Amino acid sequence: MFLLVAGLNHKTAPLELREKVSLNHGQLAEHLRELSECVDQGAILSTCNRTEVYAVVEEPHVGARALRHFLTQTGDLLPEDLAPHLYLYSQRDAVRHLFSVASGIDSMVLGESEVLGQVRGALESAEIIGTSGTELSRFLRQAISVGREVRDKTGINRNRVSVSSVGVDLAKSQFGGTLDSRRILLISAGEAGKLTAKALTDCGNPDVIVTSRTYNKAVSLADQLGGKAMPFSQLEEALANADIVISSTGAPHFVLHHDMVEQIMQQRANAPLLLIDIAVPRDIDPMVRQIKGVSLHDIGDLEAVIQDNLKEREKELDKATAIIDSETTRFVSWWDSLQVAPMINMMRQRAETVRRAELEKTLAKLKTISDADREAIDVMTRSIVNKMLHHPTMALKEASSDQDRLDVMRCLFDV
């Protein structure tokens, strides 16, 4: 049995190509059944940044061709279009690759945790459809275990590394670690602001007001966030009542000016106001930082925090890699033992066949021998065979490759 993985990811292929090969989760069962027609065991890991097919096959070259063909057909691509972007790993390299993926060190964002759940989903789907046997299931389960171990024993996933999560940390630090009952004003109905607002609402139970120049979009996003919409004409009123403001309008000019914010802070009696500006170009006049009670963080501030946090994660990379290497060696040792057992059984069966034939031939000539002596000769010949096979057995177990094992068998026993 051979382990194989074929795929492409954010490092090897542009987004346009990844989109074509990306497998629709609604059709995953159908894709798995198609995969099972060309490999013994199979599983599919498909995310926004990667599409990978894992398989157990008997013949690695045939299996590799099958996986390439499967991905080519799935993406409706020509082989030459896919080939430059495709990677193919087998045995130890395949194990190390999946362990790295599950640990988050092969992700676009170092140490991200979402991929661990995606590997778990790939395992569950393959088991439900019935395309994953004992060996592949154990492989995927071990990858999940290694991913957890890396996160438990290192800081690879500590420190926030997205705009939305850094915004959450800033807000929590300013408001005593909790956002319960805080009032959030979201200016714009864009995706970036939506992600940050959702992250904030996931960390507490705040009141959310959404305003936008397009009122219908504000209503739609407010419904998604469980908040309320307010016409853009009432922006100043909303500001006067907010604790946190997230702005991402895409406007070519400032939406919040120094004089406007200063006047509103007087109405608020300088109650603390956190402004998070994630727009490019900026929505909020940087001069508002000079106003008492106002904290402003723009996209540059957030990106600086993200880079610092990524550097902290990178410091943990060596620890994570050491765990992955150790666990890879351990798993490969177990996998190799699966290949050795049939060879050892074959070798012993061959020896036993020869021993029994020669014993019966000899005993047939010794017609006067007692039953006790027959038994003694039988035990003696078994012992001779066992002692003769001890070193070949150890050589098989210690051989570093399948080819080495085959060489031992062919040389000693012509099998």
Protein backbone atom coordinates (compact mmCIF):
# COMPACT_ATOMS: atom_id res chain seq x y z
CA MET A 1 0.00 0.00 0.00
CA PHE A 2 1.16 3.50 -0.83
CA LEU A 3 0.00 6.87 0.48
CA LEU A 4 -0.38 9.63 -2.11
CA VAL A 5 -1.49 13.24 -2.14
CA ALA A 6 -2.00 15.41 -5.20
CA GLY A 7 -3.15 19.01 -5.11
CA LEU A 8 -2.56 22.69 -5.55
CA ASN A 9 -2.70 25.60 -3.11
CA HIS A 10 -2.12 29.32 -2.66
CA LYS A 11 1.63 28.82 -3.03
CA THR A 12 1.53 26.94 -6.32
CA ALA A 13 -1.51 28.22 -8.23
CA PRO A 14 -3.24 31.55 -8.88
CA LEU A 15 -6.74 32.16 -7.57
CA GLU A 16 -8.31 31.76 -11.02
CA LEU A 17 -6.98 28.21 -11.30
CA ARG A 18 -7.81 27.30 -7.69
CA GLU A 19 -11.39 28.39 -8.31
CA LYS A 20 -11.71 25.97 -11.24
CA VAL A 21 -10.37 23.00 -9.29
CA SER A 22 -12.23 23.87 -6.07
CA LEU A 23 -14.76 21.14 -5.30
CA ASN A 24 -18.30 22.19 -4.46
CA HIS A 25 -19.19 20.78 -1.03
CA GLY A 26 -22.72 20.14 -2.22
CA GLN A 27 -21.26 17.70 -4.76
CA LEU A 28 -18.57 16.25 -2.49
CA ALA A 29 -20.29 12.87 -2.21
CA GLU A 30 -20.37 12.58 -6.00
CA HIS A 31 -16.70 13.59 -6.26
CA LEU A 32 -15.71 11.01 -3.64
CA ARG A 33 -17.56 8.25 -5.48
CA GLU A 34 -15.77 9.21 -8.70
CA LEU A 35 -12.46 9.15 -6.83
CA SER A 36 -13.19 5.70 -5.40
CA GLU A 37 -13.40 4.30 -8.93
CA CYS A 38 -9.69 4.92 -9.51
CA VAL A 39 -8.07 4.47 -6.06
CA ASP A 40 -8.46 1.96 -3.23
CA GLN A 41 -9.16 4.60 -0.57
CA GLY A 42 -9.67 8.33 -1.03
CA ALA A 43 -10.46 11.62 0.72
CA ILE A 44 -10.77 15.21 -0.51
CA LEU A 45 -9.66 18.38 1.29
CA SER A 46 -11.05 21.45 -0.50
CA THR A 47 -10.83 24.96 0.97
CA CYS A 48 -10.56 28.48 -0.40
CA ASN A 49 -6.77 28.13 -0.49
CA ARG A 50 -6.23 24.50 -1.50
CA THR A 51 -7.70 21.45 -3.18
CA GLU A 52 -5.99 18.18 -2.28
CA VAL A 53 -6.81 14.54 -2.90
CA TYR A 54 -5.46 11.89 -0.52
CA ALA A 55 -5.38 8.25 -1.53
CA VAL A 56 -4.18 4.76 -0.65
CA VAL A 57 -3.14 2.77 -3.72
CA GLU A 58 -1.34 -0.46 -4.54
CA GLU A 59 0.66 0.88 -7.48
CA PRO A 60 2.05 4.42 -6.92
CA HIS A 61 2.61 5.30 -10.59
CA VAL A 62 -0.88 4.20 -11.59
CA GLY A 63 -2.33 6.01 -8.57
CA ALA A 64 -0.47 9.22 -9.37
CA ARG A 65 -1.84 9.21 -12.93
CA ALA A 66 -5.33 8.62 -11.57
CA LEU A 67 -5.14 11.57 -9.15
CA ARG A 68 -3.82 13.90 -11.85
CA HIS A 69 -6.61 12.82 -14.18
CA PHE A 70 -9.23 13.25 -11.45
CA LEU A 71 -8.18 16.86 -10.74
CA THR A 72 -7.89 17.67 -14.44
CA GLN A 73 -11.38 16.35 -15.14
CA THR A 74 -12.87 18.03 -12.08
CA GLY A 75 -11.52 21.43 -13.12
CA ASP A 76 -12.36 20.82 -16.80
CA LEU A 77 -8.74 21.64 -17.61
CA LEU A 78 -6.12 20.49 -20.05
CA PRO A 79 -3.35 18.44 -18.38
CA GLU A 80 -0.72 20.96 -19.49
CA ASP A 81 -2.66 23.78 -17.80
CA LEU A 82 -2.73 22.01 -14.45
CA ALA A 83 0.65 20.27 -14.43
CA PRO A 84 2.90 23.30 -13.61
CA HIS A 85 0.85 24.08 -10.51
CA LEU A 86 0.29 20.55 -9.20
CA TYR A 87 2.29 18.88 -6.44
CA LEU A 88 2.40 15.16 -5.78
CA TYR A 89 3.77 13.55 -2.62
CA SER A 90 4.02 9.91 -1.60
CA GLN A 91 4.69 7.97 1.59
CA ARG A 92 6.76 9.98 4.11
CA ASP A 93 6.46 13.22 2.12
CA ALA A 94 2.68 12.80 1.98
CA VAL A 95 2.54 12.24 5.73
CA ARG A 96 4.66 15.25 6.53
CA HIS A 97 2.63 17.41 4.15
CA LEU A 98 -0.74 16.61 5.73
CA PHE A 99 0.67 16.97 9.26
CA SER A 100 1.97 20.42 8.24
CA VAL A 101 -1.39 21.36 6.73
CA ALA A 102 -3.32 20.28 9.84
CA SER A 103 -0.87 22.19 12.05
CA GLY A 104 -1.46 25.43 10.15
CA ILE A 105 2.14 25.93 9.03
CA ASP A 106 1.25 25.42 5.35
CA SER A 107 -1.59 27.96 5.47
CA MET A 108 -1.76 31.43 3.97
CA VAL A 109 -2.02 32.74 7.55
CA LEU A 110 0.55 30.94 9.70
CA GLY A 111 -1.04 28.96 12.51
CA GLU A 112 -4.67 29.49 11.50
CA SER A 113 -7.04 27.04 13.18
CA GLU A 114 -9.82 26.70 10.63
CA VAL A 115 -7.91 24.14 8.56
CA LEU A 116 -8.01 21.64 11.44
CA GLY A 117 -11.80 21.52 11.22
CA GLN A 118 -11.55 21.21 7.44
CA VAL A 119 -9.31 18.13 7.76
CA ARG A 120 -11.84 16.68 10.20
CA GLY A 121 -14.59 17.40 7.67
CA ALA A 122 -12.62 15.60 4.94
CA LEU A 123 -12.30 12.54 7.19
CA GLU A 124 -15.98 12.52 8.14
CA SER A 125 -17.12 12.88 4.53
CA ALA A 126 -14.88 10.04 3.34
CA GLU A 127 -16.08 7.76 6.13
CA ILE A 128 -19.75 8.56 5.53
CA ILE A 129 -19.47 7.90 1.79
CA GLY A 130 -17.32 4.84 2.48
CA THR A 131 -14.21 5.81 0.51
CA SER A 132 -11.82 5.77 3.48
CA GLY A 133 -10.58 2.46 4.83
CA THR A 134 -8.76 1.70 8.07
CA GLU A 135 -5.41 2.98 6.84
CA LEU A 136 -6.52 6.31 5.37
CA SER A 137 -8.83 7.03 8.30
CA ARG A 138 -5.99 6.47 10.74
CA PHE A 139 -3.78 8.77 8.65
CA LEU A 140 -6.33 11.60 8.74
CA ARG A 141 -7.08 11.09 12.44
CA GLN A 142 -3.38 11.20 13.25
CA ALA A 143 -3.06 14.46 11.29
CA ILE A 144 -5.83 15.98 13.41
CA SER A 145 -4.07 14.77 16.56
CA VAL A 146 -0.76 16.28 15.41
CA GLY A 147 -2.50 19.56 14.58
CA ARG A 148 -3.90 19.74 18.10
CA GLU A 149 -0.54 18.84 19.65
CA VAL A 150 1.27 21.59 17.72
CA ARG A 151 -1.28 24.18 18.87
CA ASP A 152 -1.20 22.92 22.47
CA LYS A 153 2.59 22.81 22.78
CA THR A 154 3.58 25.90 20.78
CA GLY A 155 2.38 29.46 20.28
CA ILE A 156 1.87 28.97 16.54
CA ASN A 157 -1.79 30.08 16.71
CA ARG A 158 -1.50 32.71 19.43
CA ASN A 159 -1.79 36.43 18.76
CA ARG A 160 -4.40 37.75 16.33
CA VAL A 161 -3.47 37.98 12.66
CA SER A 162 -6.56 39.35 10.90
CA VAL A 163 -8.03 42.85 10.76
CA SER A 164 -11.27 41.70 12.35
CA SER A 165 -9.62 39.82 15.22
CA VAL A 166 -7.13 42.62 15.96
CA GLY A 167 -10.03 45.04 16.01
CA VAL A 168 -11.75 42.82 18.57
CA ASP A 169 -8.65 42.78 20.79
CA LEU A 170 -8.38 46.58 20.65
CA ALA A 171 -12.02 46.99 21.57
CA LYS A 172 -11.89 44.49 24.43
CA SER A 173 -8.73 46.06 25.86
CA GLN A 174 -10.35 49.49 25.88
CA PHE A 175 -13.59 48.34 27.47
CA GLY A 176 -12.40 46.12 30.29
CA GLY A 177 -12.22 42.80 28.43
CA THR A 178 -15.90 42.53 27.53
CA LEU A 179 -18.18 44.04 24.92
CA ASP A 180 -21.48 43.17 26.57
CA SER A 181 -24.02 45.98 26.10
CA ARG A 182 -21.55 48.15 24.19
CA ARG A 183 -22.95 50.12 21.26
CA ILE A 184 -21.28 49.50 17.89
CA LEU A 185 -21.82 51.79 14.92
CA LEU A 186 -20.88 50.29 11.56
CA ILE A 187 -20.49 52.88 8.82
CA SER A 188 -20.82 51.02 5.49
CA ALA A 189 -22.17 47.66 4.51
CA GLY A 190 -18.91 46.40 2.98
CA GLU A 191 -17.36 42.98 3.57
CA ALA A 192 -14.39 44.17 5.67
CA GLY A 193 -16.58 46.14 8.06
CA LYS A 194 -19.02 43.26 8.22
CA LEU A 195 -16.29 40.80 9.25
CA THR A 196 -15.01 43.09 11.98
CA ALA A 197 -18.49 43.84 13.28
CA LYS A 198 -19.34 40.12 13.34
CA ALA A 199 -16.13 39.36 15.23
CA LEU A 200 -17.04 42.01 17.79
CA THR A 201 -20.58 40.68 18.23
CA ASP A 202 -19.21 37.14 18.63
CA CYS A 203 -17.22 38.31 21.66
CA GLY A 204 -20.11 39.85 23.55
CA ASN A 205 -23.68 41.02 23.31
CA PRO A 206 -23.42 44.56 21.95
CA ASP A 207 -26.04 46.74 20.29
CA VAL A 208 -25.23 47.17 16.59
CA ILE A 209 -26.33 50.07 14.40
CA VAL A 210 -25.55 49.97 10.66
CA THR A 211 -25.60 53.04 8.46
CA SER A 212 -24.75 53.43 4.79
CA ARG A 213 -25.42 55.83 1.94
CA THR A 214 -27.47 52.96 0.47
CA TYR A 215 -30.09 52.38 3.14
CA ASN A 216 -31.29 49.04 1.76
CA LYS A 217 -27.77 47.59 2.14
CA ALA A 218 -27.66 48.87 5.72
CA VAL A 219 -30.96 47.12 6.47
CA SER A 220 -29.73 43.85 4.95
CA LEU A 221 -26.47 43.82 6.94
CA ALA A 222 -28.21 44.89 10.16
CA ASP A 223 -30.53 41.89 9.80
CA GLN A 224 -27.53 39.57 9.43
CA LEU A 225 -25.86 40.99 12.53
CA GLY A 226 -29.03 41.12 14.60
CA GLY A 227 -28.86 44.91 14.78
CA LYS A 228 -30.69 47.97 13.49
CA ALA A 229 -30.28 50.18 10.42
CA MET A 230 -30.16 53.99 10.49
CA PRO A 231 -30.25 56.42 7.55
CA PHE A 232 -26.91 58.02 6.72
CA SER A 233 -28.45 61.43 7.35
CA GLN A 234 -28.57 60.51 11.06
CA LEU A 235 -24.85 59.73 11.27
CA GLU A 236 -24.06 62.37 13.90
CA GLU A 237 -26.87 61.17 16.15
CA ALA A 238 -25.58 57.61 15.88
CA LEU A 239 -22.03 58.77 16.69
CA ALA A 240 -23.21 60.53 19.83
CA ASN A 241 -24.57 57.25 21.20
CA ALA A 242 -21.84 54.82 20.08
CA ASP A 243 -18.98 53.28 22.07
CA ILE A 244 -17.23 51.74 19.07
CA VAL A 245 -17.28 52.93 15.45
CA ILE A 246 -16.13 50.77 12.55
CA SER A 247 -15.86 52.58 9.23
CA SER A 248 -15.19 51.10 5.80
CA THR A 249 -17.04 53.07 3.14
CA GLY A 250 -14.63 53.23 0.22
CA ALA A 251 -15.36 56.97 -0.10
CA PRO A 252 -12.62 59.10 -1.73
CA HIS A 253 -12.71 61.59 1.17
CA PHE A 254 -13.03 61.65 4.97
CA VAL A 255 -16.43 60.66 6.31
CA LEU A 256 -15.65 61.70 9.89
CA HIS A 257 -13.91 65.07 10.23
CA HIS A 258 -12.08 66.55 13.22
CA ASP A 259 -14.65 69.28 13.88
CA MET A 260 -17.58 66.82 13.68
CA VAL A 261 -16.03 64.37 16.14
CA GLU A 262 -14.93 67.18 18.50
CA GLN A 263 -18.46 68.54 18.64
CA ILE A 264 -19.92 65.09 19.28
CA MET A 265 -17.42 64.38 22.08
CA GLN A 266 -18.61 67.56 23.82
CA GLN A 267 -22.16 66.19 23.67
CA ARG A 268 -20.88 62.90 25.13
CA ALA A 269 -19.03 64.68 27.94
CA ASN A 270 -15.85 63.05 26.58
CA ALA A 271 -17.10 59.51 27.24
CA PRO A 272 -14.54 57.15 25.61
CA LEU A 273 -15.03 56.55 21.87
CA LEU A 274 -13.09 53.92 19.93
CA LEU A 275 -12.81 54.52 16.18
CA ILE A 276 -11.63 51.67 13.91
CA ASP A 277 -10.96 52.86 10.36
CA ILE A 278 -10.35 49.95 7.99
CA ALA A 279 -11.03 51.89 4.78
CA VAL A 280 -8.49 52.59 2.04
CA PRO A 281 -8.41 55.52 1.47
CA ARG A 282 -9.12 56.39 5.10
CA ASP A 283 -12.60 57.37 6.26
CA ILE A 284 -11.56 59.17 9.44
CA ASP A 285 -9.41 62.30 9.72
CA PRO A 286 -6.20 61.31 11.59
CA MET A 287 -6.40 64.64 13.46
CA VAL A 288 -9.22 63.22 15.64
CA ARG A 289 -6.50 61.47 17.63
CA GLN A 290 -5.88 64.83 19.32
CA ILE A 291 -9.41 64.92 20.75
CA LYS A 292 -9.74 63.93 24.40
CA GLY A 293 -11.45 60.59 24.93
CA VAL A 294 -11.00 59.42 21.32
CA SER A 295 -8.92 56.39 20.32
CA LEU A 296 -8.38 55.97 16.59
CA HIS A 297 -6.87 52.92 14.91
CA ASP A 298 -6.62 52.88 11.11
CA ILE A 299 -5.67 50.08 8.73
CA GLY A 300 -1.98 50.93 9.10
CA ASP A 301 -2.14 50.50 12.88
CA LEU A 302 -3.95 47.19 12.55
CA GLU A 303 -1.55 45.87 9.92
CA ALA A 304 1.41 46.78 12.14
CA VAL A 305 -0.10 44.76 14.99
CA ILE A 306 -0.75 41.87 12.60
CA GLN A 307 2.86 41.86 11.40
CA ASP A 308 4.16 41.91 14.98
CA ASN A 309 1.85 39.03 15.85
CA LEU A 310 2.99 37.05 12.81
CA LYS A 311 6.60 37.51 13.86
CA GLU A 312 5.71 36.09 17.27
CA ARG A 313 4.11 33.09 15.56
CA GLU A 314 7.15 32.59 13.34
CA LYS A 315 9.30 32.24 16.46
CA GLU A 316 7.30 29.09 17.24
CA LEU A 317 7.83 27.58 13.80
CA ASP A 318 10.90 25.53 14.76
CA LYS A 319 9.04 23.97 17.69
CA ALA A 320 6.08 23.12 15.48
CA THR A 321 8.35 21.63 12.82
CA ALA A 322 10.13 19.45 15.39
CA ILE A 323 6.80 18.00 16.54
CA ILE A 324 5.70 17.37 12.96
CA ASP A 325 9.00 15.63 12.09
CA SER A 326 8.81 13.42 15.17
CA GLU A 327 5.18 12.46 14.56
CA THR A 328 5.90 11.84 10.88
CA THR A 329 8.65 9.37 11.78
CA ARG A 330 6.36 7.63 14.25
CA PHE A 331 3.50 7.30 11.78
CA VAL A 332 5.74 6.14 8.93
CA SER A 333 7.14 3.46 11.24
CA TRP A 334 3.60 2.21 11.90
CA TRP A 335 2.76 2.38 8.20
CA ASP A 336 5.88 0.42 7.26
CA SER A 337 4.96 -2.26 9.78
CA LEU A 338 1.79 -2.85 7.74
CA GLN A 339 3.93 -3.63 4.72
CA VAL A 340 6.35 -5.87 6.66
CA ALA A 341 3.79 -8.18 8.22
CA PRO A 342 2.64 -9.82 4.94
CA MET A 343 6.26 -10.27 3.86
CA ILE A 344 7.20 -11.93 7.15
CA ASN A 345 4.13 -14.19 6.96
CA MET A 346 5.01 -15.14 3.38
CA MET A 347 8.59 -15.92 4.39
CA ARG A 348 7.52 -18.07 7.34
CA GLN A 349 4.86 -19.88 5.32
CA ARG A 350 7.46 -20.74 2.68
CA ALA A 351 9.86 -22.02 5.34
CA GLU A 352 7.10 -24.00 7.07
CA THR A 353 6.07 -25.62 3.80
CA VAL A 354 9.65 -26.77 3.19
CA ARG A 355 10.11 -27.89 6.81
CA ARG A 356 6.91 -29.97 6.85
CA ALA A 357 7.61 -31.62 3.49
CA GLU A 358 11.12 -32.64 4.52
CA LEU A 359 9.93 -33.78 7.96
CA GLU A 360 7.23 -36.01 6.53
CA LYS A 361 9.67 -37.45 4.00
CA THR A 362 12.15 -38.28 6.77
CA LEU A 363 9.58 -39.67 9.21
CA ALA A 364 8.18 -41.95 6.49
CA LYS A 365 11.56 -43.71 6.39
CA LEU A 366 11.75 -44.09 10.18
CA LYS A 367 8.91 -46.59 10.57
CA THR A 368 9.99 -47.86 14.01
CA ILE A 369 10.36 -44.44 15.64
CA SER A 370 8.14 -43.74 18.67
CA ASP A 371 5.52 -40.97 18.82
CA ALA A 372 7.60 -39.18 21.44
CA ASP A 373 10.61 -39.15 19.14
CA ARG A 374 8.46 -37.94 16.24
CA GLU A 375 7.30 -35.06 18.42
CA ALA A 376 10.89 -34.28 19.48
CA ILE A 377 12.04 -34.14 15.84
CA ASP A 378 9.09 -31.90 14.95
CA VAL A 379 9.96 -29.50 17.79
CA MET A 380 13.64 -29.51 16.84
CA THR A 381 12.96 -28.66 13.17
CA ARG A 382 10.58 -25.86 14.18
CA SER A 383 13.28 -24.45 16.44
CA ILE A 384 15.88 -24.61 13.65
CA VAL A 385 13.55 -22.76 11.27
CA ASN A 386 12.74 -20.09 13.87
CA LYS A 387 16.39 -19.48 14.60
CA MET A 388 17.23 -19.37 10.89
CA LEU A 389 14.45 -16.84 10.26
CA HIS A 390 15.28 -14.55 13.18
CA HIS A 391 17.87 -12.43 11.37
CA PRO A 392 15.92 -12.20 8.07
CA THR A 393 12.86 -11.13 10.08
CA MET A 394 14.83 -8.40 11.84
CA ALA A 395 16.32 -7.32 8.49
CA LEU A 396 12.83 -6.90 7.07
CA LYS A 397 11.66 -4.85 10.05
CA GLU A 398 14.72 -2.62 9.93
CA ALA A 399 14.84 -2.13 6.16
CA SER A 400 14.45 1.56 5.29
CA SER A 401 12.39 1.11 2.12
CA ASP A 402 10.05 -1.27 0.37
CA GLN A 403 12.74 -1.96 -2.22
CA ASP A 404 15.17 -3.01 0.53
CA ARG A 405 12.56 -5.41 1.91
CA LEU A 406 11.90 -6.90 -1.49
CA ASP A 407 15.64 -7.38 -2.00
CA VAL A 408 15.86 -9.29 1.31
CA MET A 409 12.97 -11.56 0.34
CA ARG A 410 14.18 -12.22 -3.19
CA CYS A 411 17.72 -12.89 -2.11
CA LEU A 412 16.90 -15.27 0.74
CA PHE A 413 13.70 -16.97 -0.35
CA ASP A 414 13.09 -16.18 -4.03
CA VAL A 415 9.71 -14.51 -3.32
